[in-house]
Amino acid sequence: MRNFLRFYCRLSVGASLMLTALACSANPFERIGWLAGCWGAENREAGSGEHWMAPAGGSMLGVGRTVKGGKTVETEFLQIRADDQGKLQYIALPSGQTQATFGEKSFANNEIVFENLQHDFPQRISYRLSAEHQVLARIEGMRNGKLKGIEYPLKRVACANEAARP
């Protein structure tokens, strides 16, 4: 019995260390791989939404577009990169504005939140996988002394180049 307990303890400690090592060395993009693809903005004009490339080379690249009255009125170039500690950074370059970087604040239950409290608005950007083919994007922060939040429900759509393939 004593030999069994020693073996069990070694096995438990070994498994625990292995799981810890796997968690520490895990690719941070594995947590948000579900964001890759094309997302159409619900309740918005056709052509509005975001397109995220699959993780590669330590980054995910994205682009956003808002269409109103048949014309593109806003664009945004997006990037998610890992810092030296493995935390994700969200880098946004909206049309007519300067680039802003938001650090990973939290990740849980298929939701990632990025934050930059020094930014004018928004201070937080989040993406939550709410169903298999639905994502809720949200921006929020203080504006004129009041907390303001704007939600962007997105649904997975075929990417234009995929739809054109035979």
N, C-alpha and C. Protein backbone atom coordinates (compact mmCIF):
# COMPACT_ATOMS: atom_id res chain seq x y z
N MET A 1 0.83 -1.19 0.00
CA MET A 1 0.00 0.00 0.00
C MET A 1 0.88 1.26 0.00
N ARG A 2 1.95 1.24 0.78
CA ARG A 2 2.83 2.39 0.85
C ARG A 2 3.43 2.69 -0.52
N ASN A 3 3.83 1.67 -1.29
CA ASN A 3 4.39 1.87 -2.63
C ASN A 3 3.35 2.49 -3.55
N PHE A 4 2.10 2.06 -3.42
CA PHE A 4 1.03 2.63 -4.24
C PHE A 4 0.86 4.11 -3.94
N LEU A 5 0.87 4.48 -2.66
CA LEU A 5 0.71 5.89 -2.29
C LEU A 5 1.85 6.74 -2.81
N ARG A 6 3.09 6.20 -2.72
CA ARG A 6 4.22 6.94 -3.26
C ARG A 6 4.07 7.15 -4.77
N PHE A 7 3.69 6.07 -5.46
CA PHE A 7 3.48 6.16 -6.91
C PHE A 7 2.39 7.17 -7.24
N TYR A 8 1.28 7.13 -6.51
CA TYR A 8 0.15 8.03 -6.74
C TYR A 8 0.57 9.49 -6.52
N CYS A 9 1.32 9.74 -5.45
CA CYS A 9 1.78 11.10 -5.16
C CYS A 9 2.70 11.60 -6.26
N ARG A 10 3.64 10.74 -6.70
CA ARG A 10 4.53 11.15 -7.79
C ARG A 10 3.75 11.43 -9.06
N LEU A 11 2.78 10.58 -9.35
CA LEU A 11 1.95 10.75 -10.53
C LEU A 11 1.16 12.06 -10.45
N SER A 12 0.59 12.34 -9.30
CA SER A 12 -0.20 13.57 -9.13
C SER A 12 0.67 14.81 -9.27
N VAL A 13 1.85 14.79 -8.61
CA VAL A 13 2.75 15.93 -8.69
C VAL A 13 3.24 16.10 -10.13
N GLY A 14 3.60 15.00 -10.78
CA GLY A 14 4.06 15.06 -12.17
C GLY A 14 2.99 15.59 -13.10
N ALA A 15 1.77 15.11 -12.95
CA ALA A 15 0.67 15.58 -13.80
C ALA A 15 0.39 17.06 -13.55
N SER A 16 0.46 17.46 -12.30
CA SER A 16 0.21 18.86 -11.97
C SER A 16 1.28 19.76 -12.60
N LEU A 17 2.53 19.35 -12.50
CA LEU A 17 3.61 20.15 -13.10
C LEU A 17 3.48 20.20 -14.61
N MET A 18 3.09 19.07 -15.23
CA MET A 18 2.93 19.03 -16.67
C MET A 18 1.80 19.95 -17.11
N LEU A 19 0.68 19.93 -16.41
CA LEU A 19 -0.43 20.82 -16.75
C LEU A 19 -0.05 22.28 -16.57
N THR A 20 0.68 22.58 -15.51
CA THR A 20 1.14 23.95 -15.29
C THR A 20 2.06 24.39 -16.42
N ALA A 21 2.99 23.52 -16.82
CA ALA A 21 3.91 23.87 -17.91
C ALA A 21 3.15 24.08 -19.20
N LEU A 22 2.16 23.23 -19.47
CA LEU A 22 1.37 23.40 -20.69
C LEU A 22 0.61 24.71 -20.66
N ALA A 23 0.04 25.05 -19.53
CA ALA A 23 -0.73 26.30 -19.43
C ALA A 23 0.18 27.50 -19.61
N CYS A 24 1.39 27.44 -19.06
CA CYS A 24 2.30 28.57 -19.15
C CYS A 24 2.87 28.73 -20.55
N SER A 25 3.07 27.61 -21.26
CA SER A 25 3.68 27.71 -22.58
C SER A 25 2.64 27.76 -23.69
N ALA A 26 1.37 27.73 -23.35
CA ALA A 26 0.32 27.69 -24.37
C ALA A 26 0.36 28.95 -25.23
N ASN A 27 0.03 28.77 -26.49
CA ASN A 27 -0.06 29.87 -27.43
C ASN A 27 -1.25 30.74 -27.02
N PRO A 28 -1.04 32.03 -26.71
CA PRO A 28 -2.17 32.86 -26.26
C PRO A 28 -3.26 33.02 -27.32
N PHE A 29 -2.93 32.79 -28.59
CA PHE A 29 -3.92 32.93 -29.66
C PHE A 29 -4.90 31.76 -29.70
N GLU A 30 -4.54 30.65 -29.06
CA GLU A 30 -5.47 29.52 -29.00
C GLU A 30 -6.75 29.91 -28.28
N ARG A 31 -6.65 30.87 -27.38
CA ARG A 31 -7.83 31.30 -26.62
C ARG A 31 -8.81 32.10 -27.46
N ILE A 32 -8.32 32.75 -28.53
CA ILE A 32 -9.21 33.61 -29.33
C ILE A 32 -9.26 33.22 -30.80
N GLY A 33 -8.83 32.01 -31.11
CA GLY A 33 -8.87 31.55 -32.49
C GLY A 33 -10.27 31.61 -33.09
N TRP A 34 -11.29 31.54 -32.23
CA TRP A 34 -12.68 31.61 -32.70
C TRP A 34 -13.00 32.95 -33.36
N LEU A 35 -12.19 33.97 -33.14
CA LEU A 35 -12.45 35.28 -33.73
C LEU A 35 -12.08 35.33 -35.22
N ALA A 36 -11.24 34.42 -35.67
CA ALA A 36 -10.81 34.42 -37.07
C ALA A 36 -12.00 34.20 -38.00
N GLY A 37 -12.03 34.96 -39.08
CA GLY A 37 -13.08 34.81 -40.08
C GLY A 37 -13.78 36.13 -40.35
N CYS A 38 -14.89 36.04 -41.05
CA CYS A 38 -15.66 37.23 -41.44
C CYS A 38 -16.91 37.34 -40.59
N TRP A 39 -17.15 38.56 -40.12
CA TRP A 39 -18.27 38.83 -39.23
C TRP A 39 -19.08 40.01 -39.78
N GLY A 40 -20.34 39.77 -40.07
CA GLY A 40 -21.22 40.82 -40.54
C GLY A 40 -21.90 41.48 -39.36
N ALA A 41 -22.00 42.79 -39.41
CA ALA A 41 -22.65 43.54 -38.34
C ALA A 41 -24.17 43.38 -38.46
N GLU A 42 -24.78 42.87 -37.40
CA GLU A 42 -26.24 42.73 -37.40
C GLU A 42 -26.86 44.11 -37.25
N ASN A 43 -28.01 44.31 -37.83
CA ASN A 43 -28.74 45.59 -37.76
C ASN A 43 -27.96 46.74 -38.38
N ARG A 44 -27.07 46.45 -39.27
CA ARG A 44 -26.29 47.48 -39.98
C ARG A 44 -26.40 47.20 -41.48
N GLU A 45 -25.99 48.16 -42.25
CA GLU A 45 -26.04 48.00 -43.70
C GLU A 45 -25.07 46.93 -44.17
N ALA A 46 -25.45 46.21 -45.24
CA ALA A 46 -24.60 45.16 -45.80
C ALA A 46 -23.21 45.71 -46.09
N GLY A 47 -22.20 44.91 -45.79
CA GLY A 47 -20.81 45.32 -45.97
C GLY A 47 -20.18 45.83 -44.69
N SER A 48 -20.99 46.09 -43.67
CA SER A 48 -20.47 46.52 -42.37
C SER A 48 -20.06 45.29 -41.56
N GLY A 49 -18.92 45.36 -40.92
CA GLY A 49 -18.47 44.25 -40.09
C GLY A 49 -16.97 44.23 -39.95
N GLU A 50 -16.46 43.06 -39.53
CA GLU A 50 -15.03 42.88 -39.32
C GLU A 50 -14.58 41.59 -39.99
N HIS A 51 -13.33 41.58 -40.42
CA HIS A 51 -12.70 40.40 -40.99
C HIS A 51 -11.38 40.21 -40.25
N TRP A 52 -11.22 39.03 -39.61
CA TRP A 52 -10.00 38.72 -38.87
C TRP A 52 -9.28 37.55 -39.53
N MET A 53 -8.02 37.74 -39.82
CA MET A 53 -7.19 36.65 -40.35
C MET A 53 -6.86 35.71 -39.20
N ALA A 54 -6.65 34.43 -39.54
CA ALA A 54 -6.27 33.43 -38.53
C ALA A 54 -4.92 33.80 -37.92
N PRO A 55 -4.70 33.40 -36.67
CA PRO A 55 -3.40 33.69 -36.04
C PRO A 55 -2.25 33.08 -36.83
N ALA A 56 -1.21 33.86 -37.04
CA ALA A 56 0.01 33.39 -37.70
C ALA A 56 1.12 34.38 -37.39
N GLY A 57 2.32 33.88 -37.18
CA GLY A 57 3.47 34.75 -36.97
C GLY A 57 3.37 35.63 -35.74
N GLY A 58 2.61 35.21 -34.75
CA GLY A 58 2.49 35.99 -33.53
C GLY A 58 1.51 37.14 -33.61
N SER A 59 0.58 37.08 -34.57
CA SER A 59 -0.41 38.15 -34.65
C SER A 59 -1.70 37.66 -35.30
N MET A 60 -2.74 38.42 -35.09
CA MET A 60 -3.99 38.32 -35.84
C MET A 60 -4.20 39.70 -36.43
N LEU A 61 -4.51 39.76 -37.72
CA LEU A 61 -4.76 41.04 -38.37
C LEU A 61 -6.22 41.13 -38.72
N GLY A 62 -6.79 42.32 -38.56
CA GLY A 62 -8.19 42.50 -38.85
C GLY A 62 -8.47 43.84 -39.50
N VAL A 63 -9.65 43.95 -40.07
CA VAL A 63 -10.10 45.19 -40.67
C VAL A 63 -11.59 45.31 -40.39
N GLY A 64 -12.02 46.53 -40.10
CA GLY A 64 -13.43 46.79 -39.88
C GLY A 64 -13.92 47.85 -40.84
N ARG A 65 -15.20 47.76 -41.18
CA ARG A 65 -15.78 48.73 -42.10
C ARG A 65 -17.23 48.98 -41.69
N THR A 66 -17.63 50.27 -41.76
CA THR A 66 -19.02 50.66 -41.54
C THR A 66 -19.54 51.30 -42.81
N VAL A 67 -20.65 50.78 -43.30
CA VAL A 67 -21.27 51.28 -44.53
C VAL A 67 -22.60 51.93 -44.16
N LYS A 68 -22.82 53.14 -44.66
CA LYS A 68 -24.09 53.86 -44.48
C LYS A 68 -24.47 54.49 -45.81
N GLY A 69 -25.71 54.30 -46.20
CA GLY A 69 -26.16 54.89 -47.46
C GLY A 69 -25.38 54.40 -48.65
N GLY A 70 -24.90 53.16 -48.59
CA GLY A 70 -24.15 52.60 -49.70
C GLY A 70 -22.71 53.06 -49.79
N LYS A 71 -22.22 53.80 -48.79
CA LYS A 71 -20.84 54.31 -48.81
C LYS A 71 -20.11 53.92 -47.53
N THR A 72 -18.83 53.66 -47.68
CA THR A 72 -17.99 53.39 -46.52
C THR A 72 -17.77 54.70 -45.78
N VAL A 73 -18.20 54.75 -44.51
CA VAL A 73 -18.06 55.97 -43.74
C VAL A 73 -16.98 55.86 -42.66
N GLU A 74 -16.61 54.63 -42.30
CA GLU A 74 -15.54 54.42 -41.32
C GLU A 74 -14.79 53.15 -41.65
N THR A 75 -13.49 53.15 -41.41
CA THR A 75 -12.66 51.96 -41.53
C THR A 75 -11.78 51.87 -40.30
N GLU A 76 -11.29 50.67 -40.06
CA GLU A 76 -10.39 50.48 -38.93
C GLU A 76 -9.46 49.32 -39.24
N PHE A 77 -8.16 49.55 -39.08
CA PHE A 77 -7.18 48.49 -39.23
C PHE A 77 -6.84 48.01 -37.82
N LEU A 78 -6.87 46.70 -37.64
CA LEU A 78 -6.75 46.10 -36.31
C LEU A 78 -5.63 45.07 -36.27
N GLN A 79 -5.07 44.91 -35.08
CA GLN A 79 -4.01 43.93 -34.89
C GLN A 79 -4.07 43.43 -33.45
N ILE A 80 -3.90 42.14 -33.27
CA ILE A 80 -3.75 41.57 -31.93
C ILE A 80 -2.39 40.89 -31.92
N ARG A 81 -1.55 41.28 -30.96
CA ARG A 81 -0.19 40.74 -30.82
C ARG A 81 0.03 40.33 -29.38
N ALA A 82 0.95 39.42 -29.17
CA ALA A 82 1.32 39.02 -27.82
C ALA A 82 2.54 39.83 -27.38
N ASP A 83 2.52 40.29 -26.12
CA ASP A 83 3.69 40.99 -25.59
C ASP A 83 4.69 39.96 -25.05
N ASP A 84 5.77 40.42 -24.45
CA ASP A 84 6.82 39.53 -23.96
C ASP A 84 6.35 38.58 -22.87
N GLN A 85 5.28 38.93 -22.15
CA GLN A 85 4.74 38.08 -21.09
C GLN A 85 3.63 37.16 -21.59
N GLY A 86 3.33 37.20 -22.89
CA GLY A 86 2.28 36.35 -23.44
C GLY A 86 0.89 36.94 -23.33
N LYS A 87 0.79 38.17 -22.85
CA LYS A 87 -0.51 38.85 -22.80
C LYS A 87 -0.79 39.45 -24.17
N LEU A 88 -2.06 39.43 -24.54
CA LEU A 88 -2.43 39.95 -25.85
C LEU A 88 -2.62 41.46 -25.81
N GLN A 89 -2.26 42.11 -26.90
CA GLN A 89 -2.39 43.56 -27.08
C GLN A 89 -3.28 43.79 -28.29
N TYR A 90 -4.26 44.67 -28.16
CA TYR A 90 -5.17 45.02 -29.24
C TYR A 90 -4.75 46.39 -29.74
N ILE A 91 -4.39 46.48 -31.02
CA ILE A 91 -3.90 47.72 -31.60
C ILE A 91 -4.89 48.16 -32.67
N ALA A 92 -5.45 49.35 -32.51
CA ALA A 92 -6.48 49.84 -33.42
C ALA A 92 -6.02 51.12 -34.10
N LEU A 93 -6.31 51.20 -35.39
CA LEU A 93 -6.03 52.41 -36.16
C LEU A 93 -7.32 52.78 -36.90
N PRO A 94 -8.22 53.52 -36.21
CA PRO A 94 -9.48 53.92 -36.85
C PRO A 94 -9.26 55.06 -37.84
N SER A 95 -10.13 55.14 -38.85
CA SER A 95 -10.01 56.20 -39.85
C SER A 95 -10.03 57.57 -39.16
N GLY A 96 -9.10 58.42 -39.58
CA GLY A 96 -9.04 59.78 -39.07
C GLY A 96 -8.52 59.93 -37.65
N GLN A 97 -7.99 58.87 -37.05
CA GLN A 97 -7.48 58.95 -35.67
C GLN A 97 -6.09 58.36 -35.58
N THR A 98 -5.46 58.55 -34.43
CA THR A 98 -4.15 57.97 -34.21
C THR A 98 -4.29 56.55 -33.67
N GLN A 99 -3.25 55.79 -33.82
CA GLN A 99 -3.23 54.41 -33.34
C GLN A 99 -3.34 54.37 -31.82
N ALA A 100 -4.05 53.38 -31.30
CA ALA A 100 -4.18 53.19 -29.86
C ALA A 100 -3.98 51.71 -29.53
N THR A 101 -3.31 51.45 -28.42
CA THR A 101 -3.05 50.09 -27.97
C THR A 101 -3.78 49.84 -26.66
N PHE A 102 -4.44 48.68 -26.59
CA PHE A 102 -5.19 48.27 -25.40
C PHE A 102 -4.62 46.94 -24.94
N GLY A 103 -4.26 46.84 -23.66
CA GLY A 103 -3.69 45.61 -23.12
C GLY A 103 -4.77 44.65 -22.66
N GLU A 104 -4.44 43.36 -22.69
CA GLU A 104 -5.38 42.34 -22.21
C GLU A 104 -5.66 42.55 -20.73
N LYS A 105 -6.92 42.76 -20.41
CA LYS A 105 -7.32 42.93 -19.01
C LYS A 105 -7.78 41.60 -18.43
N SER A 106 -8.60 40.86 -19.19
CA SER A 106 -9.11 39.60 -18.70
C SER A 106 -9.55 38.70 -19.84
N PHE A 107 -9.57 37.42 -19.53
CA PHE A 107 -10.09 36.44 -20.47
C PHE A 107 -10.77 35.35 -19.66
N ALA A 108 -12.04 35.10 -19.97
CA ALA A 108 -12.79 34.04 -19.30
C ALA A 108 -14.04 33.74 -20.11
N ASN A 109 -14.42 32.47 -20.12
CA ASN A 109 -15.67 32.05 -20.76
C ASN A 109 -15.84 32.61 -22.16
N ASN A 110 -14.82 32.46 -23.00
CA ASN A 110 -14.87 32.92 -24.39
C ASN A 110 -15.11 34.42 -24.53
N GLU A 111 -14.63 35.20 -23.57
CA GLU A 111 -14.69 36.65 -23.67
C GLU A 111 -13.32 37.21 -23.33
N ILE A 112 -12.83 38.09 -24.19
CA ILE A 112 -11.56 38.76 -23.92
C ILE A 112 -11.83 40.26 -23.82
N VAL A 113 -11.22 40.88 -22.83
CA VAL A 113 -11.39 42.31 -22.59
C VAL A 113 -10.01 42.96 -22.66
N PHE A 114 -9.92 44.03 -23.45
CA PHE A 114 -8.70 44.83 -23.58
C PHE A 114 -8.98 46.19 -22.95
N GLU A 115 -7.95 46.80 -22.35
CA GLU A 115 -8.18 48.07 -21.66
C GLU A 115 -7.01 49.02 -21.84
N ASN A 116 -7.35 50.32 -21.95
CA ASN A 116 -6.38 51.41 -21.96
C ASN A 116 -7.07 52.59 -21.30
N LEU A 117 -6.83 52.77 -20.01
CA LEU A 117 -7.52 53.82 -19.24
C LEU A 117 -7.07 55.22 -19.62
N GLN A 118 -5.95 55.36 -20.34
CA GLN A 118 -5.48 56.68 -20.77
C GLN A 118 -6.11 57.12 -22.09
N HIS A 119 -6.78 56.23 -22.77
CA HIS A 119 -7.39 56.56 -24.06
C HIS A 119 -8.67 57.36 -23.84
N ASP A 120 -8.98 58.28 -24.77
CA ASP A 120 -10.16 59.12 -24.59
C ASP A 120 -11.45 58.30 -24.59
N PHE A 121 -11.80 57.67 -25.67
CA PHE A 121 -12.94 56.77 -25.74
C PHE A 121 -12.73 55.87 -26.94
N PRO A 122 -12.91 54.61 -26.78
CA PRO A 122 -13.26 53.87 -25.57
C PRO A 122 -12.03 53.58 -24.72
N GLN A 123 -12.27 53.14 -23.51
CA GLN A 123 -11.17 52.68 -22.65
C GLN A 123 -11.11 51.14 -22.61
N ARG A 124 -12.22 50.50 -22.96
CA ARG A 124 -12.29 49.04 -22.98
C ARG A 124 -12.91 48.55 -24.29
N ILE A 125 -12.35 47.46 -24.80
CA ILE A 125 -12.87 46.80 -26.00
C ILE A 125 -12.97 45.32 -25.65
N SER A 126 -14.11 44.73 -25.94
CA SER A 126 -14.26 43.30 -25.64
C SER A 126 -14.91 42.57 -26.80
N TYR A 127 -14.60 41.29 -26.86
CA TYR A 127 -15.21 40.37 -27.81
C TYR A 127 -15.67 39.16 -27.01
N ARG A 128 -16.93 38.77 -27.20
CA ARG A 128 -17.47 37.60 -26.50
C ARG A 128 -18.14 36.69 -27.52
N LEU A 129 -17.70 35.44 -27.55
CA LEU A 129 -18.34 34.44 -28.39
C LEU A 129 -19.62 34.05 -27.68
N SER A 130 -20.76 34.53 -28.19
CA SER A 130 -22.03 34.29 -27.49
C SER A 130 -22.74 33.04 -27.98
N ALA A 131 -22.45 32.59 -29.17
CA ALA A 131 -22.97 31.35 -29.74
C ALA A 131 -21.97 30.93 -30.80
N GLU A 132 -22.17 29.76 -31.38
CA GLU A 132 -21.19 29.24 -32.32
C GLU A 132 -20.90 30.20 -33.47
N HIS A 133 -21.89 30.90 -33.95
CA HIS A 133 -21.71 31.80 -35.09
C HIS A 133 -22.04 33.25 -34.74
N GLN A 134 -21.92 33.61 -33.47
CA GLN A 134 -22.24 34.98 -33.05
C GLN A 134 -21.19 35.50 -32.07
N VAL A 135 -20.81 36.74 -32.29
CA VAL A 135 -19.87 37.42 -31.41
C VAL A 135 -20.48 38.75 -31.02
N LEU A 136 -20.32 39.11 -29.78
CA LEU A 136 -20.74 40.43 -29.33
C LEU A 136 -19.48 41.25 -29.07
N ALA A 137 -19.27 42.26 -29.91
CA ALA A 137 -18.16 43.20 -29.71
C ALA A 137 -18.73 44.38 -28.92
N ARG A 138 -17.93 44.92 -28.03
CA ARG A 138 -18.41 46.03 -27.20
C ARG A 138 -17.27 46.99 -26.94
N ILE A 139 -17.59 48.28 -27.01
CA ILE A 139 -16.65 49.31 -26.58
C ILE A 139 -17.32 50.06 -25.45
N GLU A 140 -16.52 50.50 -24.48
CA GLU A 140 -17.08 51.26 -23.37
C GLU A 140 -16.02 52.11 -22.71
N GLY A 141 -16.50 53.08 -21.97
CA GLY A 141 -15.60 53.95 -21.24
C GLY A 141 -16.31 55.21 -20.80
N MET A 142 -15.55 56.09 -20.20
CA MET A 142 -16.10 57.35 -19.71
C MET A 142 -16.11 58.38 -20.84
N ARG A 143 -17.24 59.03 -20.98
CA ARG A 143 -17.38 60.11 -21.95
C ARG A 143 -18.21 61.19 -21.30
N ASN A 144 -17.64 62.39 -21.18
CA ASN A 144 -18.30 63.51 -20.52
C ASN A 144 -18.74 63.15 -19.10
N GLY A 145 -17.88 62.41 -18.39
CA GLY A 145 -18.15 62.06 -17.00
C GLY A 145 -19.15 60.94 -16.80
N LYS A 146 -19.61 60.31 -17.87
CA LYS A 146 -20.59 59.23 -17.75
C LYS A 146 -20.07 57.98 -18.44
N LEU A 147 -20.40 56.83 -17.86
CA LEU A 147 -20.01 55.57 -18.47
C LEU A 147 -20.91 55.31 -19.66
N LYS A 148 -20.29 55.07 -20.82
CA LYS A 148 -21.04 54.82 -22.05
C LYS A 148 -20.55 53.50 -22.64
N GLY A 149 -21.48 52.71 -23.15
CA GLY A 149 -21.14 51.45 -23.79
C GLY A 149 -21.91 51.30 -25.09
N ILE A 150 -21.24 50.76 -26.10
CA ILE A 150 -21.89 50.51 -27.39
C ILE A 150 -21.60 49.06 -27.76
N GLU A 151 -22.66 48.33 -28.09
CA GLU A 151 -22.51 46.93 -28.47
C GLU A 151 -22.68 46.76 -29.97
N TYR A 152 -21.91 45.84 -30.51
CA TYR A 152 -21.94 45.52 -31.92
C TYR A 152 -22.14 44.01 -32.08
N PRO A 153 -23.39 43.58 -32.22
CA PRO A 153 -23.60 42.15 -32.46
C PRO A 153 -23.12 41.78 -33.86
N LEU A 154 -22.34 40.72 -33.93
CA LEU A 154 -21.77 40.26 -35.19
C LEU A 154 -22.17 38.81 -35.42
N LYS A 155 -22.41 38.46 -36.67
CA LYS A 155 -22.69 37.05 -37.00
C LYS A 155 -21.71 36.62 -38.07
N ARG A 156 -21.30 35.35 -37.98
CA ARG A 156 -20.35 34.82 -38.95
C ARG A 156 -21.00 34.80 -40.33
N VAL A 157 -20.26 35.30 -41.31
CA VAL A 157 -20.73 35.33 -42.70
C VAL A 157 -19.62 34.75 -43.58
N ALA A 158 -20.00 34.35 -44.78
CA ALA A 158 -19.00 33.86 -45.73
C ALA A 158 -18.13 35.05 -46.15
N CYS A 159 -16.85 34.82 -46.18
CA CYS A 159 -15.95 35.86 -46.67
C CYS A 159 -16.16 36.01 -48.17
N ALA A 160 -16.08 37.23 -48.67
CA ALA A 160 -16.37 37.51 -50.09
C ALA A 160 -15.55 36.63 -51.02
N ASN A 161 -14.27 36.47 -50.75
CA ASN A 161 -13.43 35.66 -51.64
C ASN A 161 -13.80 34.18 -51.55
N GLU A 162 -14.32 33.70 -50.41
CA GLU A 162 -14.75 32.31 -50.29
C GLU A 162 -16.03 32.09 -51.07
N ALA A 163 -16.94 33.08 -51.06
CA ALA A 163 -18.21 32.94 -51.76
C ALA A 163 -18.00 32.87 -53.27
N ALA A 164 -16.92 33.48 -53.77
CA ALA A 164 -16.68 33.54 -55.20
C ALA A 164 -15.98 32.27 -55.72
N ARG A 165 -15.49 31.44 -54.83
CA ARG A 165 -14.77 30.23 -55.25
C ARG A 165 -15.74 29.21 -55.81
N PRO A 166 -15.29 28.44 -56.83
CA PRO A 166 -16.17 27.39 -57.41
C PRO A 166 -16.33 26.23 -56.47
